[in-house]
Amino acid sequence: MTTLTHDRAGESTSQHVADRIRENIYHGTLAPGEPLREVAMAETLGVSRRTVREALLILATQGLVTHERNRGATVSKLSAGDVRDLYTVRRTLEVQGARACTTAGARERERLDSAFREFVESARRQDSHEIARRDMAFHGAVIGLVGSPRMDAFYEQCSFEMRLAIALIRQDEDLTETTPEQAIAEHGRIYDALRNRESFEAQLAIIEHIDANERRLLALV
């Protein structure tokens, strides 16, 4: 992590610091279980300890930081139970999106088109961290087909831990040499079914995709 320059209008310094720490967690620079020392982080980032403390509290509400007695703050670890819970949530939300594909409006469908296109572009660039971000956006667009602000907000809250899970899977893909073509084909099956308003096929593709990723992640935690 490097010293911060506060250049985003309207954003608090603590939020800016939280964003930087979050990206380091997603990139693996800060590993699960690693202690987060306020003094050291404040010196590295060029901010006060209070700002770091506030940033860590923000990340704790997102499930990315855990506060433990006598240990202080550490990067959260995903347990097998956490993984199962997260992926149960994903199935529930995304299956609802698939069911809504037959009635989704033009705006929701355009969002899906854009999200899939950006995912494909990131996969072809083979940037694992950008792929993880675009992956989340695509699945968010699937849920967005429902047209429910509350479901979107719930997914947004869960997305922080889901992004961590996806980052772990992407690291595994780097090791197992999963190709961009394979990633595109897997998501393309979901996208094509949704665009063609084939609700049953979309649900099947989503469940198979989520089940496969859950199995892979359970093998990593």
C-alpha atoms as a PDB file:
ATOM      1  CA  MET A   1       0.000   0.000   0.000  1.00  0.00           C
ATOM      2  CA  THR A   2       1.169   3.518  -0.785  1.00  0.00           C
ATOM      3  CA  THR A   3       0.525   6.950   0.682  1.00  0.00           C
ATOM      4  CA  LEU A   4      -2.948   8.214  -0.131  1.00  0.00           C
ATOM      5  CA  THR A   5      -3.827  11.315  -2.071  1.00  0.00           C
ATOM      6  CA  HIS A   6      -7.397  12.345  -1.380  1.00  0.00           C
ATOM      7  CA  ASP A   7      -8.762  13.076  -4.839  1.00  0.00           C
ATOM      8  CA  ARG A   8     -12.377  11.870  -4.826  1.00  0.00           C
ATOM      9  CA  ALA A   9     -14.802  14.683  -4.117  1.00  0.00           C
ATOM     10  CA  GLY A  10     -17.361  14.015  -1.412  1.00  0.00           C
ATOM     11  CA  GLU A  11     -15.675  10.855  -0.153  1.00  0.00           C
ATOM     12  CA  SER A  12     -14.336  10.717   3.386  1.00  0.00           C
ATOM     13  CA  THR A  13     -10.711   9.837   3.984  1.00  0.00           C
ATOM     14  CA  SER A  14     -11.758   6.793   6.018  1.00  0.00           C
ATOM     15  CA  GLN A  15     -13.864   5.541   3.090  1.00  0.00           C
ATOM     16  CA  HIS A  16     -10.929   6.120   0.755  1.00  0.00           C
ATOM     17  CA  VAL A  17      -8.661   4.134   3.086  1.00  0.00           C
ATOM     18  CA  ALA A  18     -11.275   1.363   3.330  1.00  0.00           C
ATOM     19  CA  ASP A  19     -11.378   1.180  -0.470  1.00  0.00           C
ATOM     20  CA  ARG A  20      -7.604   0.826  -0.648  1.00  0.00           C
ATOM     21  CA  ILE A  21      -7.450  -1.861   2.026  1.00  0.00           C
ATOM     22  CA  ARG A  22     -10.336  -3.725   0.378  1.00  0.00           C
ATOM     23  CA  GLU A  23      -8.509  -3.815  -2.951  1.00  0.00           C
ATOM     24  CA  ASN A  24      -5.385  -5.146  -1.225  1.00  0.00           C
ATOM     25  CA  ILE A  25      -7.499  -7.907   0.309  1.00  0.00           C
ATOM     26  CA  TYR A  26      -9.036  -8.765  -3.059  1.00  0.00           C
ATOM     27  CA  HIS A  27      -5.607  -8.768  -4.727  1.00  0.00           C
ATOM     28  CA  GLY A  28      -4.167 -11.069  -2.066  1.00  0.00           C
ATOM     29  CA  THR A  29      -1.649  -8.489  -0.819  1.00  0.00           C
ATOM     30  CA  LEU A  30      -3.370  -8.842   2.550  1.00  0.00           C
ATOM     31  CA  ALA A  31      -4.036 -12.529   3.125  1.00  0.00           C
ATOM     32  CA  PRO A  32      -6.898 -14.104   5.110  1.00  0.00           C
ATOM     33  CA  GLY A  33      -6.021 -14.126   8.805  1.00  0.00           C
ATOM     34  CA  GLU A  34      -3.325 -11.475   8.431  1.00  0.00           C
ATOM     35  CA  PRO A  35      -3.182  -8.915  11.280  1.00  0.00           C
ATOM     36  CA  LEU A  36      -4.051  -5.332  10.338  1.00  0.00           C
ATOM     37  CA  ARG A  37      -1.850  -3.104  12.507  1.00  0.00           C
ATOM     38  CA  GLU A  38      -3.266   0.385  12.875  1.00  0.00           C
ATOM     39  CA  VAL A  39       0.066   2.102  13.512  1.00  0.00           C
ATOM     40  CA  ALA A  40       1.864   0.473  10.600  1.00  0.00           C
ATOM     41  CA  MET A  41      -1.029   1.054   8.211  1.00  0.00           C
ATOM     42  CA  ALA A  42      -1.381   4.683   9.267  1.00  0.00           C
ATOM     43  CA  GLU A  43       2.310   5.282   8.589  1.00  0.00           C
ATOM     44  CA  THR A  44       2.206   3.479   5.245  1.00  0.00           C
ATOM     45  CA  LEU A  45      -0.894   5.309   4.035  1.00  0.00           C
ATOM     46  CA  GLY A  46       0.011   8.672   5.513  1.00  0.00           C
ATOM     47  CA  VAL A  47      -3.165   9.024   7.565  1.00  0.00           C
ATOM     48  CA  SER A  48      -4.087   9.031  11.252  1.00  0.00           C
ATOM     49  CA  ARG A  49      -4.699   5.931  13.346  1.00  0.00           C
ATOM     50  CA  ARG A  50      -8.264   7.126  13.852  1.00  0.00           C
ATOM     51  CA  THR A  51      -8.807   7.138  10.086  1.00  0.00           C
ATOM     52  CA  VAL A  52      -7.443   3.603   9.807  1.00  0.00           C
ATOM     53  CA  ARG A  53      -9.633   2.481  12.714  1.00  0.00           C
ATOM     54  CA  GLU A  54     -12.726   3.949  11.039  1.00  0.00           C
ATOM     55  CA  ALA A  55     -11.788   2.281   7.750  1.00  0.00           C
ATOM     56  CA  LEU A  56     -11.432  -1.095   9.457  1.00  0.00           C
ATOM     57  CA  LEU A  57     -14.867  -0.683  11.023  1.00  0.00           C
ATOM     58  CA  ILE A  58     -16.318  -0.049   7.552  1.00  0.00           C
ATOM     59  CA  LEU A  59     -14.671  -3.225   6.279  1.00  0.00           C
ATOM     60  CA  ALA A  60     -15.927  -5.163   9.297  1.00  0.00           C
ATOM     61  CA  THR A  61     -19.527  -4.287   8.361  1.00  0.00           C
ATOM     62  CA  GLN A  62     -18.756  -5.711   4.903  1.00  0.00           C
ATOM     63  CA  GLY A  63     -17.478  -8.985   6.336  1.00  0.00           C
ATOM     64  CA  LEU A  64     -13.889  -8.439   5.178  1.00  0.00           C
ATOM     65  CA  VAL A  65     -12.305  -7.644   8.550  1.00  0.00           C
ATOM     66  CA  THR A  66     -12.725  -9.454  11.862  1.00  0.00           C
ATOM     67  CA  HIS A  67     -12.021  -7.901  15.258  1.00  0.00           C
ATOM     68  CA  GLU A  68     -10.787 -10.386  17.855  1.00  0.00           C
ATOM     69  CA  ARG A  69     -10.027  -9.844  21.524  1.00  0.00           C
ATOM     70  CA  ASN A  70      -6.285  -9.601  22.207  1.00  0.00           C
ATOM     71  CA  ARG A  71      -5.544  -9.824  18.468  1.00  0.00           C
ATOM     72  CA  GLY A  72      -7.152  -6.703  17.091  1.00  0.00           C
ATOM     73  CA  ALA A  73      -8.250  -6.584  13.477  1.00  0.00           C
ATOM     74  CA  THR A  74      -7.419  -9.319  10.974  1.00  0.00           C
ATOM     75  CA  VAL A  75      -8.428 -10.067   7.404  1.00  0.00           C
ATOM     76  CA  SER A  76     -11.495 -12.302   7.532  1.00  0.00           C
ATOM     77  CA  LYS A  77     -11.255 -15.958   6.590  1.00  0.00           C
ATOM     78  CA  LEU A  78     -14.093 -17.696   4.801  1.00  0.00           C
ATOM     79  CA  SER A  79     -15.086 -20.903   6.566  1.00  0.00           C
ATOM     80  CA  ALA A  80     -16.843 -23.787   4.849  1.00  0.00           C
ATOM     81  CA  GLY A  81     -20.042 -22.623   6.540  1.00  0.00           C
ATOM     82  CA  ASP A  82     -19.549 -19.100   5.193  1.00  0.00           C
ATOM     83  CA  VAL A  83     -19.089 -20.453   1.677  1.00  0.00           C
ATOM     84  CA  ARG A  84     -22.226 -22.583   1.833  1.00  0.00           C
ATOM     85  CA  ASP A  85     -24.216 -19.657   3.198  1.00  0.00           C
ATOM     86  CA  LEU A  86     -22.967 -17.231   0.539  1.00  0.00           C
ATOM     87  CA  TYR A  87     -23.667 -19.633  -2.281  1.00  0.00           C
ATOM     88  CA  THR A  88     -27.135 -20.403  -0.950  1.00  0.00           C
ATOM     89  CA  VAL A  89     -27.800 -16.673  -1.158  1.00  0.00           C
ATOM     90  CA  ARG A  90     -26.413 -16.554  -4.700  1.00  0.00           C
ATOM     91  CA  ARG A  91     -28.615 -19.415  -5.860  1.00  0.00           C
ATOM     92  CA  THR A  92     -31.717 -17.858  -4.348  1.00  0.00           C
ATOM     93  CA  LEU A  93     -31.143 -14.424  -5.856  1.00  0.00           C
ATOM     94  CA  GLU A  94     -29.893 -15.477  -9.279  1.00  0.00           C
ATOM     95  CA  VAL A  95     -32.593 -18.071  -9.828  1.00  0.00           C
ATOM     96  CA  GLN A  96     -35.099 -15.278  -9.231  1.00  0.00           C
ATOM     97  CA  GLY A  97     -33.286 -13.276 -11.899  1.00  0.00           C
ATOM     98  CA  ALA A  98     -33.547 -16.191 -14.316  1.00  0.00           C
ATOM     99  CA  ARG A  99     -37.267 -16.523 -13.631  1.00  0.00           C
ATOM    100  CA  ALA A 100     -37.695 -12.821 -14.361  1.00  0.00           C
ATOM    101  CA  CYS A 101     -35.980 -12.971 -17.760  1.00  0.00           C
ATOM    102  CA  THR A 102     -39.312 -13.459 -19.532  1.00  0.00           C
ATOM    103  CA  THR A 103     -40.722 -10.184 -18.210  1.00  0.00           C
ATOM    104  CA  ALA A 104     -37.617  -8.014 -17.644  1.00  0.00           C
ATOM    105  CA  GLY A 105     -37.720  -4.488 -19.037  1.00  0.00           C
ATOM    106  CA  ALA A 106     -35.461  -2.918 -21.646  1.00  0.00           C
ATOM    107  CA  ARG A 107     -33.295  -1.117 -19.081  1.00  0.00           C
ATOM    108  CA  GLU A 108     -32.580  -4.308 -17.138  1.00  0.00           C
ATOM    109  CA  ARG A 109     -31.785  -6.207 -20.333  1.00  0.00           C
ATOM    110  CA  GLU A 110     -29.443  -3.449 -21.519  1.00  0.00           C
ATOM    111  CA  ARG A 111     -27.634  -3.639 -18.177  1.00  0.00           C
ATOM    112  CA  LEU A 112     -27.226  -7.386 -18.683  1.00  0.00           C
ATOM    113  CA  ASP A 113     -25.884  -6.850 -22.216  1.00  0.00           C
ATOM    114  CA  SER A 114     -23.347  -4.312 -21.007  1.00  0.00           C
ATOM    115  CA  ALA A 115     -22.242  -6.448 -18.051  1.00  0.00           C
ATOM    116  CA  PHE A 116     -21.680  -9.521 -20.222  1.00  0.00           C
ATOM    117  CA  ARG A 117     -19.798  -7.532 -22.849  1.00  0.00           C
ATOM    118  CA  GLU A 118     -17.483  -6.058 -20.201  1.00  0.00           C
ATOM    119  CA  PHE A 119     -16.941  -9.491 -18.649  1.00  0.00           C
ATOM    120  CA  VAL A 120     -15.922 -10.911 -22.030  1.00  0.00           C
ATOM    121  CA  GLU A 121     -13.504  -8.030 -22.613  1.00  0.00           C
ATOM    122  CA  SER A 122     -11.872  -8.515 -19.202  1.00  0.00           C
ATOM    123  CA  ALA A 123     -11.588 -12.277 -19.733  1.00  0.00           C
ATOM    124  CA  ARG A 124      -9.813 -11.737 -23.043  1.00  0.00           C
ATOM    125  CA  ARG A 125      -7.374  -9.368 -21.343  1.00  0.00           C
ATOM    126  CA  GLN A 126      -6.730 -12.122 -18.762  1.00  0.00           C
ATOM    127  CA  ASP A 127      -6.666  -9.696 -15.838  1.00  0.00           C
ATOM    128  CA  SER A 128      -7.812 -11.915 -12.964  1.00  0.00           C
ATOM    129  CA  HIS A 129      -8.723  -9.030 -10.651  1.00  0.00           C
ATOM    130  CA  GLU A 130     -10.713  -7.194 -13.314  1.00  0.00           C
ATOM    131  CA  ILE A 131     -12.400 -10.475 -14.242  1.00  0.00           C
ATOM    132  CA  ALA A 132     -13.521 -10.884 -10.620  1.00  0.00           C
ATOM    133  CA  ARG A 133     -15.011  -7.385 -10.611  1.00  0.00           C
ATOM    134  CA  ARG A 134     -16.777  -7.867 -13.940  1.00  0.00           C
ATOM    135  CA  ASP A 135     -17.971 -11.308 -12.849  1.00  0.00           C
ATOM    136  CA  MET A 136     -19.706  -9.743  -9.861  1.00  0.00           C
ATOM    137  CA  ALA A 137     -21.232  -7.058 -12.084  1.00  0.00           C
ATOM    138  CA  PHE A 138     -22.587  -9.679 -14.485  1.00  0.00           C
ATOM    139  CA  HIS A 139     -24.221 -11.711 -11.737  1.00  0.00           C
ATOM    140  CA  GLY A 140     -25.573  -8.484 -10.254  1.00  0.00           C
ATOM    141  CA  ALA A 141     -27.164  -7.746 -13.628  1.00  0.00           C
ATOM    142  CA  VAL A 142     -28.758 -11.201 -13.603  1.00  0.00           C
ATOM    143  CA  ILE A 143     -30.387 -10.364 -10.269  1.00  0.00           C
ATOM    144  CA  GLY A 144     -31.229  -6.929 -11.641  1.00  0.00           C
ATOM    145  CA  LEU A 145     -33.632  -8.538 -14.112  1.00  0.00           C
ATOM    146  CA  VAL A 146     -36.083  -8.830 -11.224  1.00  0.00           C
ATOM    147  CA  GLY A 147     -36.275  -5.047 -11.007  1.00  0.00           C
ATOM    148  CA  SER A 148     -36.222  -5.051  -7.206  1.00  0.00           C
ATOM    149  CA  PRO A 149     -34.168  -2.296  -5.521  1.00  0.00           C
ATOM    150  CA  ARG A 150     -34.225  -4.263  -2.257  1.00  0.00           C
ATOM    151  CA  MET A 151     -32.804  -7.392  -3.889  1.00  0.00           C
ATOM    152  CA  ASP A 152     -30.155  -5.260  -5.591  1.00  0.00           C
ATOM    153  CA  ALA A 153     -29.231  -3.664  -2.256  1.00  0.00           C
ATOM    154  CA  PHE A 154     -29.055  -7.047  -0.517  1.00  0.00           C
ATOM    155  CA  TYR A 155     -26.775  -8.393  -3.245  1.00  0.00           C
ATOM    156  CA  GLU A 156     -24.601  -5.280  -2.962  1.00  0.00           C
ATOM    157  CA  GLN A 157     -24.139  -5.912   0.765  1.00  0.00           C
ATOM    158  CA  CYS A 158     -23.297  -9.579   0.193  1.00  0.00           C
ATOM    159  CA  SER A 159     -21.056  -8.778  -2.763  1.00  0.00           C
ATOM    160  CA  PHE A 160     -18.039  -7.838  -0.653  1.00  0.00           C
ATOM    161  CA  GLU A 161     -17.631 -11.370   0.696  1.00  0.00           C
ATOM    162  CA  MET A 162     -18.671 -12.852  -2.643  1.00  0.00           C
ATOM    163  CA  ARG A 163     -15.946 -10.827  -4.363  1.00  0.00           C
ATOM    164  CA  LEU A 164     -13.449 -12.282  -1.904  1.00  0.00           C
ATOM    165  CA  ALA A 165     -14.699 -15.771  -2.746  1.00  0.00           C
ATOM    166  CA  ILE A 166     -14.483 -15.101  -6.488  1.00  0.00           C
ATOM    167  CA  ALA A 167     -10.954 -13.735  -6.083  1.00  0.00           C
ATOM    168  CA  LEU A 168      -9.923 -17.012  -4.431  1.00  0.00           C
ATOM    169  CA  ILE A 169     -11.485 -18.969  -7.287  1.00  0.00           C
ATOM    170  CA  ARG A 170      -9.714 -16.795  -9.864  1.00  0.00           C
ATOM    171  CA  GLN A 171      -6.396 -17.472  -8.129  1.00  0.00           C
ATOM    172  CA  ASP A 172      -7.157 -21.177  -8.428  1.00  0.00           C
ATOM    173  CA  GLU A 173      -7.953 -20.677 -12.112  1.00  0.00           C
ATOM    174  CA  ASP A 174      -4.545 -19.070 -12.569  1.00  0.00           C
ATOM    175  CA  LEU A 175      -2.996 -22.246 -11.178  1.00  0.00           C
ATOM    176  CA  THR A 176      -5.180 -24.626 -13.166  1.00  0.00           C
ATOM    177  CA  GLU A 177      -4.899 -22.540 -16.353  1.00  0.00           C
ATOM    178  CA  THR A 178      -8.587 -22.088 -16.973  1.00  0.00           C
ATOM    179  CA  THR A 179      -8.759 -20.378 -20.359  1.00  0.00           C
ATOM    180  CA  PRO A 180     -10.617 -17.160 -21.183  1.00  0.00           C
ATOM    181  CA  GLU A 181     -12.647 -19.153 -23.692  1.00  0.00           C
ATOM    182  CA  GLN A 182     -13.853 -21.507 -20.954  1.00  0.00           C
ATOM    183  CA  ALA A 183     -14.856 -18.618 -18.686  1.00  0.00           C
ATOM    184  CA  ILE A 184     -16.647 -16.852 -21.533  1.00  0.00           C
ATOM    185  CA  ALA A 185     -18.453 -20.027 -22.605  1.00  0.00           C
ATOM    186  CA  GLU A 186     -19.666 -20.743 -19.068  1.00  0.00           C
ATOM    187  CA  HIS A 187     -21.089 -17.255 -18.625  1.00  0.00           C
ATOM    188  CA  GLY A 188     -22.224 -17.147 -22.232  1.00  0.00           C
ATOM    189  CA  ARG A 189     -24.515 -20.103 -21.641  1.00  0.00           C
ATOM    190  CA  ILE A 190     -26.245 -18.161 -18.865  1.00  0.00           C
ATOM    191  CA  TYR A 191     -26.369 -14.967 -20.908  1.00  0.00           C
ATOM    192  CA  ASP A 192     -27.760 -16.604 -24.045  1.00  0.00           C
ATOM    193  CA  ALA A 193     -30.541 -18.317 -22.123  1.00  0.00           C
ATOM    194  CA  LEU A 194     -31.497 -15.071 -20.414  1.00  0.00           C
ATOM    195  CA  ARG A 195     -31.450 -13.079 -23.650  1.00  0.00           C
ATOM    196  CA  ASN A 196     -33.587 -15.721 -25.347  1.00  0.00           C
ATOM    197  CA  ARG A 197     -36.016 -15.647 -22.400  1.00  0.00           C
ATOM    198  CA  GLU A 198     -35.424 -19.345 -21.779  1.00  0.00           C
ATOM    199  CA  SER A 199     -36.088 -19.273 -18.062  1.00  0.00           C
ATOM    200  CA  PHE A 200     -35.657 -22.983 -17.332  1.00  0.00           C
ATOM    201  CA  GLU A 201     -32.366 -23.225 -19.241  1.00  0.00           C
ATOM    202  CA  ALA A 202     -31.108 -20.069 -17.540  1.00  0.00           C
ATOM    203  CA  GLN A 203     -31.926 -21.453 -14.096  1.00  0.00           C
ATOM    204  CA  LEU A 204     -30.174 -24.712 -14.919  1.00  0.00           C
ATOM    205  CA  ALA A 205     -27.062 -22.934 -16.215  1.00  0.00           C
ATOM    206  CA  ILE A 206     -26.926 -20.672 -13.169  1.00  0.00           C
ATOM    207  CA  ILE A 207     -27.305 -23.524 -10.682  1.00  0.00           C
ATOM    208  CA  GLU A 208     -24.633 -25.611 -12.410  1.00  0.00           C
ATOM    209  CA  HIS A 209     -22.276 -22.611 -12.507  1.00  0.00           C
ATOM    210  CA  ILE A 210     -22.805 -21.757  -8.841  1.00  0.00           C
ATOM    211  CA  ASP A 211     -22.571 -25.393  -7.718  1.00  0.00           C
ATOM    212  CA  ALA A 212     -19.257 -25.840  -9.554  1.00  0.00           C
ATOM    213  CA  ASN A 213     -17.769 -22.693  -8.039  1.00  0.00           C
ATOM    214  CA  GLU A 214     -18.985 -23.650  -4.572  1.00  0.00           C
ATOM    215  CA  ARG A 215     -17.257 -27.030  -4.825  1.00  0.00           C
ATOM    216  CA  ARG A 216     -14.025 -25.404  -5.959  1.00  0.00           C
ATOM    217  CA  LEU A 217     -14.121 -22.837  -3.184  1.00  0.00           C
ATOM    218  CA  LEU A 218     -14.860 -25.426  -0.497  1.00  0.00           C
ATOM    219  CA  ALA A 219     -11.706 -27.214  -1.603  1.00  0.00           C
ATOM    220  CA  LEU A 220      -9.718 -24.000  -1.015  1.00  0.00           C
ATOM    221  CA  VAL A 221     -10.947 -22.958   2.443  1.00  0.00           C
END
